[in-house]
PDB file of N, CA and C in Angstrom:
ATOM      1  N   MET A   1     132.279  67.081  97.385  1.00  0.00           N
ATOM      2  CA  MET A   1     130.993  67.920  98.125  1.00  0.00           C
ATOM      3  C   MET A   1     131.607  69.253  98.586  1.00  0.00           C
ATOM      4  N   ILE A   2     132.797  69.382  99.004  1.00  0.00           N
ATOM      5  CA  ILE A   2     133.326  70.614  99.490  1.00  0.00           C
ATOM      6  C   ILE A   2     133.359  71.503  98.285  1.00  0.00           C
ATOM      7  N   ARG A   3     133.427  71.316  97.260  1.00  0.00           N
ATOM      8  CA  ARG A   3     133.417  72.358  96.014  1.00  0.00           C
ATOM      9  C   ARG A   3     132.184  72.467  95.500  1.00  0.00           C
ATOM     10  N   SER A   4     131.090  71.724  95.881  1.00  0.00           N
ATOM     11  CA  SER A   4     129.779  71.947  95.155  1.00  0.00           C
ATOM     12  C   SER A   4     129.126  72.672  96.396  1.00  0.00           C
ATOM     13  N   ALA A   5     129.426  72.909  97.570  1.00  0.00           N
ATOM     14  CA  ALA A   5     128.784  73.680  98.713  1.00  0.00           C
ATOM     15  C   ALA A   5     128.460  74.931  98.243  1.00  0.00           C
ATOM     16  N   PRO A   6     129.445  75.689  97.735  1.00  0.00           N
ATOM     17  CA  PRO A   6     129.463  77.047  97.464  1.00  0.00           C
ATOM     18  C   PRO A   6     128.303  77.261  96.316  1.00  0.00           C
ATOM     19  N   ILE A   7     128.284  76.420  95.416  1.00  0.00           N
ATOM     20  CA  ILE A   7     127.428  76.578  94.199  1.00  0.00           C
ATOM     21  C   ILE A   7     125.885  76.313  94.841  1.00  0.00           C
ATOM     22  N   ASP A   8     125.743  75.511  95.787  1.00  0.00           N
ATOM     23  CA  ASP A   8     124.678  75.094  96.056  1.00  0.00           C
ATOM     24  C   ASP A   8     124.244  76.430  97.149  1.00  0.00           C
ATOM     25  N   GLU A   9     124.909  77.048  97.581  1.00  0.00           N
ATOM     26  CA  GLU A   9     124.691  78.393  98.427  1.00  0.00           C
ATOM     27  C   GLU A   9     124.413  79.605  97.513  1.00  0.00           C
ATOM     28  N   ALA A  10     124.927  79.405  96.444  1.00  0.00           N
ATOM     29  CA  ALA A  10     124.669  80.722  95.568  1.00  0.00           C
ATOM     30  C   ALA A  10     123.433  80.409  94.906  1.00  0.00           C
ATOM     31  N   LEU A  11     123.250  79.330  94.306  1.00  0.00           N
ATOM     32  CA  LEU A  11     121.931  78.901  93.859  1.00  0.00           C
ATOM     33  C   LEU A  11     120.950  79.154  94.982  1.00  0.00           C
ATOM     34  N   SER A  12     120.774  78.768  96.358  1.00  0.00           N
ATOM     35  CA  SER A  12     119.784  79.303  97.164  1.00  0.00           C
ATOM     36  C   SER A  12     119.624  80.627  97.481  1.00  0.00           C
ATOM     37  N   THR A  13     120.943  81.517  97.399  1.00  0.00           N
ATOM     38  CA  THR A  13     120.820  82.974  97.542  1.00  0.00           C
ATOM     39  C   THR A  13     120.118  83.473  96.097  1.00  0.00           C
ATOM     40  N   GLY A  14     120.210  83.082  95.110  1.00  0.00           N
ATOM     41  CA  GLY A  14     119.484  83.637  94.038  1.00  0.00           C
ATOM     42  C   GLY A  14     118.044  83.309  94.056  1.00  0.00           C
ATOM     43  N   ILE A  15     117.653  81.927  94.344  1.00  0.00           N
ATOM     44  CA  ILE A  15     116.354  81.718  94.558  1.00  0.00           C
ATOM     45  C   ILE A  15     115.571  82.585  95.577  1.00  0.00           C
ATOM     46  N   ARG A  16     116.414  82.656  96.728  1.00  0.00           N
ATOM     47  CA  ARG A  16     115.856  83.620  97.563  1.00  0.00           C
ATOM     48  C   ARG A  16     115.490  84.927  97.010  1.00  0.00           C
ATOM     49  N   ARG A  17     116.276  85.491  96.417  1.00  0.00           N
ATOM     50  CA  ARG A  17     116.116  87.079  95.969  1.00  0.00           C
ATOM     51  C   ARG A  17     115.079  86.844  94.753  1.00  0.00           C
ATOM     52  N   ARG A  18     115.048  86.172  93.946  1.00  0.00           N
ATOM     53  CA  ARG A  18     113.971  85.929  93.067  1.00  0.00           C
ATOM     54  C   ARG A  18     112.505  85.817  93.612  1.00  0.00           C
ATOM     55  N   LEU A  19     112.533  84.819  94.709  1.00  0.00           N
ATOM     56  CA  LEU A  19     111.270  84.672  95.577  1.00  0.00           C
ATOM     57  C   LEU A  19     110.699  86.201  96.178  1.00  0.00           C
ATOM     58  N   ASP A  20     111.752  86.932  96.540  1.00  0.00           N
ATOM     59  CA  ASP A  20     111.289  88.086  97.070  1.00  0.00           C
ATOM     60  C   ASP A  20     110.787  88.844  95.730  1.00  0.00           C
ATOM     61  N   ASP A  21     111.400  88.937  94.917  1.00  0.00           N
ATOM     62  CA  ASP A  21     110.941  89.654  93.695  1.00  0.00           C
ATOM     63  C   ASP A  21     109.535  89.089  93.183  1.00  0.00           C
ATOM     64  N   ILE A  22     109.374  87.803  93.409  1.00  0.00           N
ATOM     65  CA  ILE A  22     107.926  87.561  92.863  1.00  0.00           C
ATOM     66  C   ILE A  22     106.929  87.832  94.147  1.00  0.00           C
ATOM     67  N   ARG A  23     107.128  87.903  95.225  1.00  0.00           N
ATOM     68  CA  ARG A  23     106.363  88.519  96.184  1.00  0.00           C
ATOM     69  C   ARG A  23     105.884  89.903  96.358  1.00  0.00           C
ATOM     70  N   GLU A  24     106.802  90.644  95.879  1.00  0.00           N
ATOM     71  CA  GLU A  24     106.659  91.993  95.453  1.00  0.00           C
ATOM     72  C   GLU A  24     105.612  92.286  94.036  1.00  0.00           C
ATOM     73  N   ARG A  25     106.056  91.559  93.146  1.00  0.00           N
ATOM     74  CA  ARG A  25     105.165  91.585  92.331  1.00  0.00           C
ATOM     75  C   ARG A  25     103.860  91.243  92.570  1.00  0.00           C
ATOM     76  N   LEU A  26     103.790  89.950  93.128  1.00  0.00           N
ATOM     77  CA  LEU A  26     102.282  89.642  93.588  1.00  0.00           C
ATOM     78  C   LEU A  26     101.562  90.914  94.351  1.00  0.00           C
ATOM     79  N   ALA A  27     102.178  91.201  95.206  1.00  0.00           N
ATOM     80  CA  ALA A  27     101.423  92.362  96.480  1.00  0.00           C
ATOM     81  C   ALA A  27     101.111  93.114  95.246  1.00  0.00           C
ATOM     82  N   ARG A  28     102.110  93.650  94.168  1.00  0.00           N
ATOM     83  CA  ARG A  28     101.366  94.900  93.497  1.00  0.00           C
ATOM     84  C   ARG A  28     100.307  94.524  92.389  1.00  0.00           C
ATOM     85  N   LEU A  29     100.361  93.377  91.983  1.00  0.00           N
ATOM     86  CA  LEU A  29      99.172  92.811  91.201  1.00  0.00           C
ATOM     87  C   LEU A  29      97.961  92.562  91.897  1.00  0.00           C
ATOM     88  N   GLU A  30      97.890  92.365  93.161  1.00  0.00           N
ATOM     89  CA  GLU A  30      96.762  92.316  94.067  1.00  0.00           C
ATOM     90  C   GLU A  30      96.548  93.643  94.348  1.00  0.00           C
ATOM     91  N   ALA A  31      97.317  94.628  94.838  1.00  0.00           N
ATOM     92  CA  ALA A  31      96.697  95.809  94.792  1.00  0.00           C
ATOM     93  C   ALA A  31      96.084  96.727  93.501  1.00  0.00           C
ATOM     94  N   ARG A  32      96.936  96.326  92.609  1.00  0.00           N
ATOM     95  CA  ARG A  32      96.181  96.908  91.407  1.00  0.00           C
ATOM     96  C   ARG A  32      94.971  96.371  91.010  1.00  0.00           C
ATOM     97  N   GLY A  33      94.935  95.203  91.164  1.00  0.00           N
ATOM     98  CA  GLY A  33      93.276  94.402  91.045  1.00  0.00           C
ATOM     99  C   GLY A  33      92.136  95.142  91.546  1.00  0.00           C
ATOM    100  N   THR A  34      92.421  95.253  92.941  1.00  0.00           N
ATOM    101  CA  THR A  34      91.701  95.770  94.171  1.00  0.00           C
ATOM    102  C   THR A  34      91.242  97.344  93.694  1.00  0.00           C
ATOM    103  N   LYS A  35      92.418  97.976  93.188  1.00  0.00           N
ATOM    104  CA  LYS A  35      91.972  99.361  92.600  1.00  0.00           C
ATOM    105  C   LYS A  35      91.174  99.565  91.617  1.00  0.00           C
ATOM    106  N   LYS A  36      91.476  98.566  90.572  1.00  0.00           N
ATOM    107  CA  LYS A  36      90.545  98.615  89.319  1.00  0.00           C
ATOM    108  C   LYS A  36      89.203  98.224  89.745  1.00  0.00           C
ATOM    109  N   ARG A  37      88.902  97.017  90.713  1.00  0.00           N
ATOM    110  CA  ARG A  37      87.780  97.268  91.307  1.00  0.00           C
ATOM    111  C   ARG A  37      86.832  98.249  91.897  1.00  0.00           C
ATOM    112  N   GLN A  38      87.606  98.931  92.598  1.00  0.00           N
ATOM    113  CA  GLN A  38      87.123  99.968  93.525  1.00  0.00           C
ATOM    114  C   GLN A  38      86.745 101.179  92.496  1.00  0.00           C
ATOM    115  N   LEU A  39      87.441 101.293  91.519  1.00  0.00           N
ATOM    116  CA  LEU A  39      87.277 102.476  90.429  1.00  0.00           C
ATOM    117  C   LEU A  39      86.255 102.070  89.689  1.00  0.00           C
ATOM    118  N   ALA A  40      86.114 100.634  89.302  1.00  0.00           N
ATOM    119  CA  ALA A  40      85.134 100.325  88.611  1.00  0.00           C
ATOM    120  C   ALA A  40      83.499 100.500  89.254  1.00  0.00           C
ATOM    121  N   LEU A  41      83.511 100.266  90.610  1.00  0.00           N
ATOM    122  CA  LEU A  41      82.280 100.269  91.255  1.00  0.00           C
ATOM    123  C   LEU A  41      81.944 101.409  91.657  1.00  0.00           C
ATOM    124  N   GLY A  42      82.961 102.495  91.835  1.00  0.00           N
ATOM    125  CA  GLY A  42      82.636 103.972  92.272  1.00  0.00           C
ATOM    126  C   GLY A  42      82.400 104.770  91.128  1.00  0.00           C
ATOM    127  N   THR A  43      82.542 104.119  89.700  1.00  0.00           N
ATOM    128  CA  THR A  43      82.017 104.778  88.664  1.00  0.00           C
ATOM    129  C   THR A  43      80.604 104.333  88.368  1.00  0.00           C
ATOM    130  N   MET A  44      80.574 102.798  88.611  1.00  0.00           N
ATOM    131  CA  MET A  44      79.157 102.602  88.245  1.00  0.00           C
ATOM    132  C   MET A  44      78.297 103.382  89.368  1.00  0.00           C
ATOM    133  N   ASN A  45      78.601 103.525  90.575  1.00  0.00           N
ATOM    134  CA  ASN A  45      77.647 104.058  91.564  1.00  0.00           C
ATOM    135  C   ASN A  45      77.599 105.655  91.278  1.00  0.00           C
ATOM    136  N   GLU A  46      78.547 106.167  90.753  1.00  0.00           N
ATOM    137  CA  GLU A  46      78.572 107.640  90.306  1.00  0.00           C
ATOM    138  C   GLU A  46      77.339 107.748  89.214  1.00  0.00           C
ATOM    139  N   VAL A  47      77.272 107.111  87.970  1.00  0.00           N
ATOM    140  CA  VAL A  47      76.508 107.066  87.067  1.00  0.00           C
ATOM    141  C   VAL A  47      75.202 106.201  86.793  1.00  0.00           C
ATOM    142  N   GLY A  48      74.959 105.584  88.336  1.00  0.00           N
ATOM    143  CA  GLY A  48      73.751 105.002  88.645  1.00  0.00           C
ATOM    144  C   GLY A  48      73.758 103.705  87.691  1.00  0.00           C
ATOM    145  N   LEU A  49      74.711 103.015  87.279  1.00  0.00           N
ATOM    146  CA  LEU A  49      74.613 101.850  86.544  1.00  0.00           C
ATOM    147  C   LEU A  49      74.551 100.799  87.809  1.00  0.00           C
ATOM    148  N   GLY A  50      73.545  99.830  87.890  1.00  0.00           N
ATOM    149  CA  GLY A  50      73.179  98.836  88.578  1.00  0.00           C
ATOM    150  C   GLY A  50      72.855  97.626  87.698  1.00  0.00           C
ATOM    151  N   LYS A  51      73.112  97.536  86.502  1.00  0.00           N
ATOM    152  CA  LYS A  51      73.082  96.253  85.636  1.00  0.00           C
ATOM    153  C   LYS A  51      73.911  95.282  86.244  1.00  0.00           C
ATOM    154  N   LEU A  52      75.055  95.291  86.444  1.00  0.00           N
ATOM    155  CA  LEU A  52      76.209  94.339  86.860  1.00  0.00           C
ATOM    156  C   LEU A  52      75.624  93.911  88.131  1.00  0.00           C
ATOM    157  N   PRO A  53      76.068  92.678  88.445  1.00  0.00           N
ATOM    158  CA  PRO A  53      75.471  91.895  89.863  1.00  0.00           C
ATOM    159  C   PRO A  53      76.231  92.717  90.947  1.00  0.00           C
ATOM    160  N   LEU A  54      75.615  93.390  91.770  1.00  0.00           N
ATOM    161  CA  LEU A  54      76.601  93.732  93.132  1.00  0.00           C
ATOM    162  C   LEU A  54      76.097  92.766  94.280  1.00  0.00           C
ATOM    163  N   ARG A  55      77.130  92.634  95.112  1.00  0.00           N
ATOM    164  CA  ARG A  55      77.126  91.700  96.118  1.00  0.00           C
ATOM    165  C   ARG A  55      77.696  92.377  97.410  1.00  0.00           C
ATOM    166  N   ARG A  56      77.013  92.126  98.490  1.00  0.00           N
ATOM    167  CA  ARG A  56      77.142  92.787  99.834  1.00  0.00           C
ATOM    168  C   ARG A  56      78.396  92.233 100.384  1.00  0.00           C
ATOM    169  N   SER A  57      79.330  93.058 100.781  1.00  0.00           N
ATOM    170  CA  SER A  57      80.743  92.368 101.226  1.00  0.00           C
ATOM    171  C   SER A  57      80.343  91.803 102.222  1.00  0.00           C
ATOM    172  N   SER A  58      81.306  90.656 102.776  1.00  0.00           N
ATOM    173  CA  SER A  58      81.170  90.079 104.211  1.00  0.00           C
ATOM    174  C   SER A  58      81.525  90.771 105.328  1.00  0.00           C
ATOM    175  N   PRO A  59      81.305  90.463 106.632  1.00  0.00           N
ATOM    176  CA  PRO A  59      81.863  91.158 107.699  1.00  0.00           C
ATOM    177  C   PRO A  59      83.083  91.116 107.792  1.00  0.00           C
ATOM    178  N   GLY A  60      83.596  92.048 108.863  1.00  0.00           N
ATOM    179  CA  GLY A  60      85.080  92.186 108.829  1.00  0.00           C
ATOM    180  C   GLY A  60      85.670  91.148 109.353  1.00  0.00           C
ATOM    181  N   ASP A  61      86.844  90.990 109.547  1.00  0.00           N
ATOM    182  CA  ASP A  61      87.677  90.026 110.126  1.00  0.00           C
ATOM    183  C   ASP A  61      86.845  89.322 111.490  1.00  0.00           C
ATOM    184  N   ARG A  62      86.664  90.197 112.512  1.00  0.00           N
ATOM    185  CA  ARG A  62      86.004  89.698 113.615  1.00  0.00           C
ATOM    186  C   ARG A  62      84.484  89.848 113.473  1.00  0.00           C
ATOM    187  N   HIS A  63      83.829  88.497 113.961  1.00  0.00           N
ATOM    188  CA  HIS A  63      82.563  88.620 113.655  1.00  0.00           C
ATOM    189  C   HIS A  63      81.518  87.626 114.405  1.00  0.00           C
ATOM    190  N   PHE A  64      80.481  87.761 114.994  1.00  0.00           N
ATOM    191  CA  PHE A  64      79.912  86.819 116.011  1.00  0.00           C
ATOM    192  C   PHE A  64      78.978  85.978 115.410  1.00  0.00           C
ATOM    193  N   SER A  65      79.109  84.734 115.532  1.00  0.00           N
ATOM    194  CA  SER A  65      78.245  83.910 114.889  1.00  0.00           C
ATOM    195  C   SER A  65      77.285  83.036 115.839  1.00  0.00           C
ATOM    196  N   GLY A  66      77.032  83.597 117.135  1.00  0.00           N
ATOM    197  CA  GLY A  66      76.209  82.898 117.881  1.00  0.00           C
ATOM    198  C   GLY A  66      74.983  83.746 117.835  1.00  0.00           C
ATOM    199  N   LYS A  67      73.972  83.447 118.763  1.00  0.00           N
ATOM    200  CA  LYS A  67      72.535  83.945 118.527  1.00  0.00           C
ATOM    201  C   LYS A  67      72.420  85.022 120.050  1.00  0.00           C
ATOM    202  N   LEU A  68      71.879  86.073 119.597  1.00  0.00           N
ATOM    203  CA  LEU A  68      71.576  86.854 120.643  1.00  0.00           C
ATOM    204  C   LEU A  68      70.306  87.285 120.963  1.00  0.00           C
ATOM    205  N   LYS A  69      69.759  87.521 122.306  1.00  0.00           N
ATOM    206  CA  LYS A  69      68.396  87.857 122.558  1.00  0.00           C
ATOM    207  C   LYS A  69      68.132  89.545 121.824  1.00  0.00           C
ATOM    208  N   ARG A  70      66.932  89.534 121.676  1.00  0.00           N
ATOM    209  CA  ARG A  70      66.539  90.863 121.155  1.00  0.00           C
ATOM    210  C   ARG A  70      66.991  92.144 121.997  1.00  0.00           C
ATOM    211  N   GLY A  71      67.557  93.092 121.589  1.00  0.00           N
ATOM    212  CA  GLY A  71      68.231  94.236 122.194  1.00  0.00           C
ATOM    213  C   GLY A  71      69.347  93.789 123.085  1.00  0.00           C
ATOM    214  N   ALA A  72      69.928  92.901 123.046  1.00  0.00           N
ATOM    215  CA  ALA A  72      71.119  92.516 123.957  1.00  0.00           C
ATOM    216  C   ALA A  72      72.289  93.429 123.029  1.00  0.00           C
ATOM    217  N   GLU A  73      73.342  93.715 123.932  1.00  0.00           N
ATOM    218  CA  GLU A  73      74.399  94.600 123.678  1.00  0.00           C
ATOM    219  C   GLU A  73      75.669  93.905 123.691  1.00  0.00           C
ATOM    220  N   ILE A  74      76.749  94.073 122.931  1.00  0.00           N
ATOM    221  CA  ILE A  74      78.046  93.336 122.800  1.00  0.00           C
ATOM    222  C   ILE A  74      79.097  94.773 123.130  1.00  0.00           C
ATOM    223  N   LEU A  75      79.665  94.633 124.077  1.00  0.00           N
ATOM    224  CA  LEU A  75      80.646  95.934 124.433  1.00  0.00           C
ATOM    225  C   LEU A  75      81.495  96.219 123.153  1.00  0.00           C
ATOM    226  N   GLY A  76      81.523  97.395 122.635  1.00  0.00           N
ATOM    227  CA  GLY A  76      82.563  97.666 121.514  1.00  0.00           C
ATOM    228  C   GLY A  76      81.865  97.256 120.040  1.00  0.00           C
ATOM    229  N   ALA A  77      80.808  96.649 120.123  1.00  0.00           N
ATOM    230  CA  ALA A  77      80.166  95.961 118.944  1.00  0.00           C
ATOM    231  C   ALA A  77      79.488  97.213 117.833  1.00  0.00           C
ATOM    232  N   GLN A  78      79.284  97.327 116.829  1.00  0.00           N
ATOM    233  CA  GLN A  78      78.742  98.226 115.995  1.00  0.00           C
ATOM    234  C   GLN A  78      77.863  97.346 114.616  1.00  0.00           C
ATOM    235  N   LEU A  79      76.626  97.885 114.545  1.00  0.00           N
ATOM    236  CA  LEU A  79      75.966  97.339 113.554  1.00  0.00           C
ATOM    237  C   LEU A  79      75.983  98.308 112.464  1.00  0.00           C
ATOM    238  N   ASN A  80      76.494  97.993 111.128  1.00  0.00           N
ATOM    239  CA  ASN A  80      76.141  98.829 109.886  1.00  0.00           C
ATOM    240  C   ASN A  80      76.037  97.936 108.948  1.00  0.00           C
ATOM    241  N   ASN A  81      75.946  98.926 107.896  1.00  0.00           N
ATOM    242  CA  ASN A  81      75.562  97.930 106.560  1.00  0.00           C
ATOM    243  C   ASN A  81      76.939  97.954 105.865  1.00  0.00           C
ATOM    244  N   PRO A  82      77.198  96.557 105.113  1.00  0.00           N
ATOM    245  CA  PRO A  82      78.408  96.517 104.674  1.00  0.00           C
ATOM    246  C   PRO A  82      78.615  97.321 103.347  1.00  0.00           C
ATOM    247  N   ASN A  83      79.840  97.360 103.103  1.00  0.00           N
ATOM    248  CA  ASN A  83      80.160  97.985 101.667  1.00  0.00           C
ATOM    249  C   ASN A  83      79.793  97.579 100.604  1.00  0.00           C
ATOM    250  N   PRO A  84      79.186  97.974  99.478  1.00  0.00           N
ATOM    251  CA  PRO A  84      79.167  97.144  97.992  1.00  0.00           C
ATOM    252  C   PRO A  84      80.541  96.702  97.851  1.00  0.00           C
ATOM    253  N   ILE A  85      80.579  95.507  96.760  1.00  0.00           N
ATOM    254  CA  ILE A  85      81.753  94.869  96.442  1.00  0.00           C
ATOM    255  C   ILE A  85      81.435  94.816  94.809  1.00  0.00           C
ATOM    256  N   LEU A  86      82.009  94.862  93.912  1.00  0.00           N
ATOM    257  CA  LEU A  86      81.729  94.458  92.549  1.00  0.00           C
ATOM    258  C   LEU A  86      82.391  93.057  92.241  1.00  0.00           C
ATOM    259  N   VAL A  87      81.316  92.291  91.969  1.00  0.00           N
ATOM    260  CA  VAL A  87      81.594  90.909  91.389  1.00  0.00           C
ATOM    261  C   VAL A  87      81.437  90.956  89.851  1.00  0.00           C
ATOM    262  N   VAL A  88      82.526  90.121  89.208  1.00  0.00           N
ATOM    263  CA  VAL A  88      82.224  90.102  87.774  1.00  0.00           C
ATOM    264  C   VAL A  88      82.417  88.525  87.360  1.00  0.00           C
ATOM    265  N   ARG A  89      81.363  88.146  86.706  1.00  0.00           N
ATOM    266  CA  ARG A  89      81.334  86.874  86.484  1.00  0.00           C
ATOM    267  C   ARG A  89      81.664  86.636  84.769  1.00  0.00           C
ATOM    268  N   THR A  90      82.665  85.670  84.532  1.00  0.00           N
ATOM    269  CA  THR A  90      82.648  85.574  82.900  1.00  0.00           C
ATOM    270  C   THR A  90      82.204  84.190  82.539  1.00  0.00           C
ATOM    271  N   LYS A  91      81.640  84.017  81.333  1.00  0.00           N
ATOM    272  CA  LYS A  91      81.447  82.622  80.801  1.00  0.00           C
ATOM    273  C   LYS A  91      82.620  81.989  80.189  1.00  0.00           C
TER     274      LYS A  91
END
C-alpha cells in the first residue's frame, strides 16, 4: 500500500490537470458557439433576411412571475423588448 500511494497521487494530479484543460476547452467552445450565433443573427438582420425562425429571448436571470395590478410599479424594474436570438433546427 505504501508503494502504491505515490502512484495514486500522481494519477490524481494528472487527472486534475486534464480536467482543468477540458474545462478551459469547454468554455472556449461555448464562447465560440455563442459568437457564431451572434454573427449569424447580426448578418441576417443586416441584410433583412427573416426566413429562418427567430425567437425572442427569455427574460434575464431575475424575473417576476406573479400578477400585478395595471399601473403598479416595482422599484428598480424596467420593461423592455427582449433581444432576438437565433434558433437553428435541423432534421
